C-alpha cells in the first residue's frame, strides 16, 4: 500500500497556508502556533525547528512530544469526512489539525478550539 502524498509533504510547505487562512479572517500566526502546540505538545522552539528542518507530516506527528488527549473531542467534517471516523492514525492527526485551523478561521473562540 502506498502512503498518501500528504504524509511525505513537509509541514513547512503547508504551514504558511494555515497562517494565511487564519490571517484572512483576522486571526494571527500566534494563534495558529498555539493550536499546533496544543495539539502536539511541541514548544514554540521545537515547532520552529520542525518547520526549519522541513519535517514531513508523518514524522511531525510521530515525533510529537505529547499529543493532547483532548483531541479526541474534535468532531465534525473535514474534506467530506468525519474526523472522528478516520481510522488511520496519522491521517486523523492531520485532519484534526485541519479542523482546528478551520475553526480558527471561522471565528471560534480559542477556548472552544482548544477544548478548554
Protein backbone atom coordinates (compact mmCIF):
# COMPACT_ATOMS: atom_id res chain seq x y z
CA UNK A 1 0.00 0.00 0.00
CA UNK A 2 1.40 3.40 -0.95
CA UNK A 3 1.31 6.24 1.53
CA UNK A 4 -0.92 9.22 0.94
CA UNK A 5 1.01 12.12 -0.58
CA UNK A 6 0.34 14.37 2.45
CA UNK A 7 2.42 12.05 4.69
CA UNK A 8 5.60 12.87 2.81
CA UNK A 9 4.81 16.57 2.40
CA UNK A 10 6.74 19.00 4.56
CA UNK A 11 4.73 20.65 7.32
CA UNK A 12 6.66 23.82 6.45
CA UNK A 13 5.07 23.76 2.97
CA UNK A 14 1.52 23.74 4.36
CA UNK A 15 2.15 25.91 7.43
CA UNK A 16 2.08 29.25 5.52
CA UNK A 17 -1.31 28.22 4.09
CA UNK A 18 -2.64 27.68 7.63
CA UNK A 19 -1.34 31.11 8.64
CA UNK A 20 -2.75 32.77 5.50
CA UNK A 21 -6.16 31.17 6.04
CA UNK A 22 -6.22 32.44 9.64
CA UNK A 23 -4.94 35.94 8.80
CA UNK A 24 -7.52 36.37 6.00
CA UNK A 25 -10.16 36.04 8.70
CA UNK A 26 -8.47 38.42 11.14
CA UNK A 27 -6.72 35.77 13.21
CA UNK A 28 -2.97 35.54 13.86
CA UNK A 29 0.08 33.37 13.26
CA UNK A 30 0.46 33.23 17.06
CA UNK A 31 -2.98 31.60 17.30
CA UNK A 32 -2.04 29.05 14.61
CA UNK A 33 1.13 28.25 16.56
CA UNK A 34 -0.83 27.94 19.81
CA UNK A 35 -3.19 25.43 18.17
CA UNK A 36 -0.28 23.36 16.84
CA UNK A 37 1.46 23.42 20.23
CA UNK A 38 -1.78 22.44 22.00
CA UNK A 39 -2.34 19.52 19.62
CA UNK A 40 1.22 18.16 19.54
CA UNK A 41 2.98 19.24 22.71
CA UNK A 42 5.80 20.92 20.80
CA UNK A 43 7.25 24.06 22.39
CA UNK A 44 7.46 27.13 20.15
CA UNK A 45 11.18 26.48 19.66
CA UNK A 46 10.60 22.81 18.80
CA UNK A 47 7.87 23.78 16.34
CA UNK A 48 10.20 26.26 14.63
CA UNK A 49 12.91 23.57 14.35
CA UNK A 50 10.41 21.15 12.76
CA UNK A 51 9.48 23.83 10.22
CA UNK A 52 13.12 24.77 9.53
CA UNK A 53 14.10 21.14 9.02
CA UNK A 54 11.21 20.61 6.56
CA UNK A 55 9.96 17.60 8.55
CA UNK A 56 7.17 15.71 6.79
CA UNK A 57 3.72 15.26 8.32
CA UNK A 58 4.28 11.62 9.24
CA UNK A 59 7.47 12.35 11.19
CA UNK A 60 5.98 15.55 12.63
CA UNK A 61 3.19 13.62 14.34
CA UNK A 62 5.31 10.56 15.18
CA UNK A 63 7.89 12.78 16.92
CA UNK A 64 5.34 15.00 18.67
CA UNK A 65 6.30 15.25 22.35
CA UNK A 66 2.78 14.74 23.74
CA UNK A 67 -0.33 14.54 21.60
CA UNK A 68 -3.13 16.20 23.52
CA UNK A 69 -5.62 13.61 24.82
CA UNK A 70 -8.42 16.18 24.41
CA UNK A 71 -8.01 15.93 20.62
CA UNK A 72 -10.50 13.05 20.80
CA UNK A 73 -13.12 15.75 21.48
CA UNK A 74 -12.59 17.18 17.99
CA UNK A 75 -15.62 16.27 15.91
CA UNK A 76 -17.02 17.29 12.57
CA UNK A 77 -16.45 17.20 8.85
CA UNK A 78 -13.24 17.99 7.02
CA UNK A 79 -12.85 17.27 3.30
CA UNK A 80 -16.22 15.49 3.37
CA UNK A 81 -15.15 13.02 6.06
CA UNK A 82 -15.97 12.95 9.76
CA UNK A 83 -12.63 13.38 11.60
CA UNK A 84 -13.74 11.10 14.41
CA UNK A 85 -14.32 8.26 11.91
CA UNK A 86 -10.87 8.31 10.29
CA UNK A 87 -9.20 5.03 11.19
CA UNK A 88 -5.63 5.71 10.02
CA UNK A 89 -3.89 7.48 12.92
CA UNK A 90 -1.58 9.82 11.01
CA UNK A 91 -4.36 10.92 8.65
CA UNK A 92 -6.63 11.53 11.63
CA UNK A 93 -3.96 13.72 13.30
CA UNK A 94 -3.55 15.73 10.08
CA UNK A 95 -7.31 16.18 9.78
CA UNK A 96 -7.58 17.19 13.46
CA UNK A 97 -5.11 19.98 12.72
CA UNK A 98 -7.04 20.97 9.58
CA UNK A 99 -10.28 21.06 11.59
CA UNK A 100 -8.75 23.25 14.32
CA UNK A 101 -7.41 25.72 11.73
CA UNK A 102 -10.87 25.79 10.09
CA UNK A 103 -12.46 26.57 13.44
CA UNK A 104 -9.97 29.40 13.96
CA UNK A 105 -10.73 30.84 10.51
CA UNK A 106 -14.46 30.63 11.23
CA UNK A 107 -14.02 32.90 14.24
CA UNK A 108 -14.42 30.35 17.00
CA UNK A 109 -13.01 31.42 20.39
CA UNK A 110 -9.61 29.92 21.28
CA UNK A 111 -11.04 28.43 24.49
CA UNK A 112 -13.53 26.45 22.40
CA UNK A 113 -10.95 25.48 19.77
CA UNK A 114 -8.59 24.22 22.48
CA UNK A 115 -11.44 22.31 24.13
CA UNK A 116 -10.98 24.09 27.48
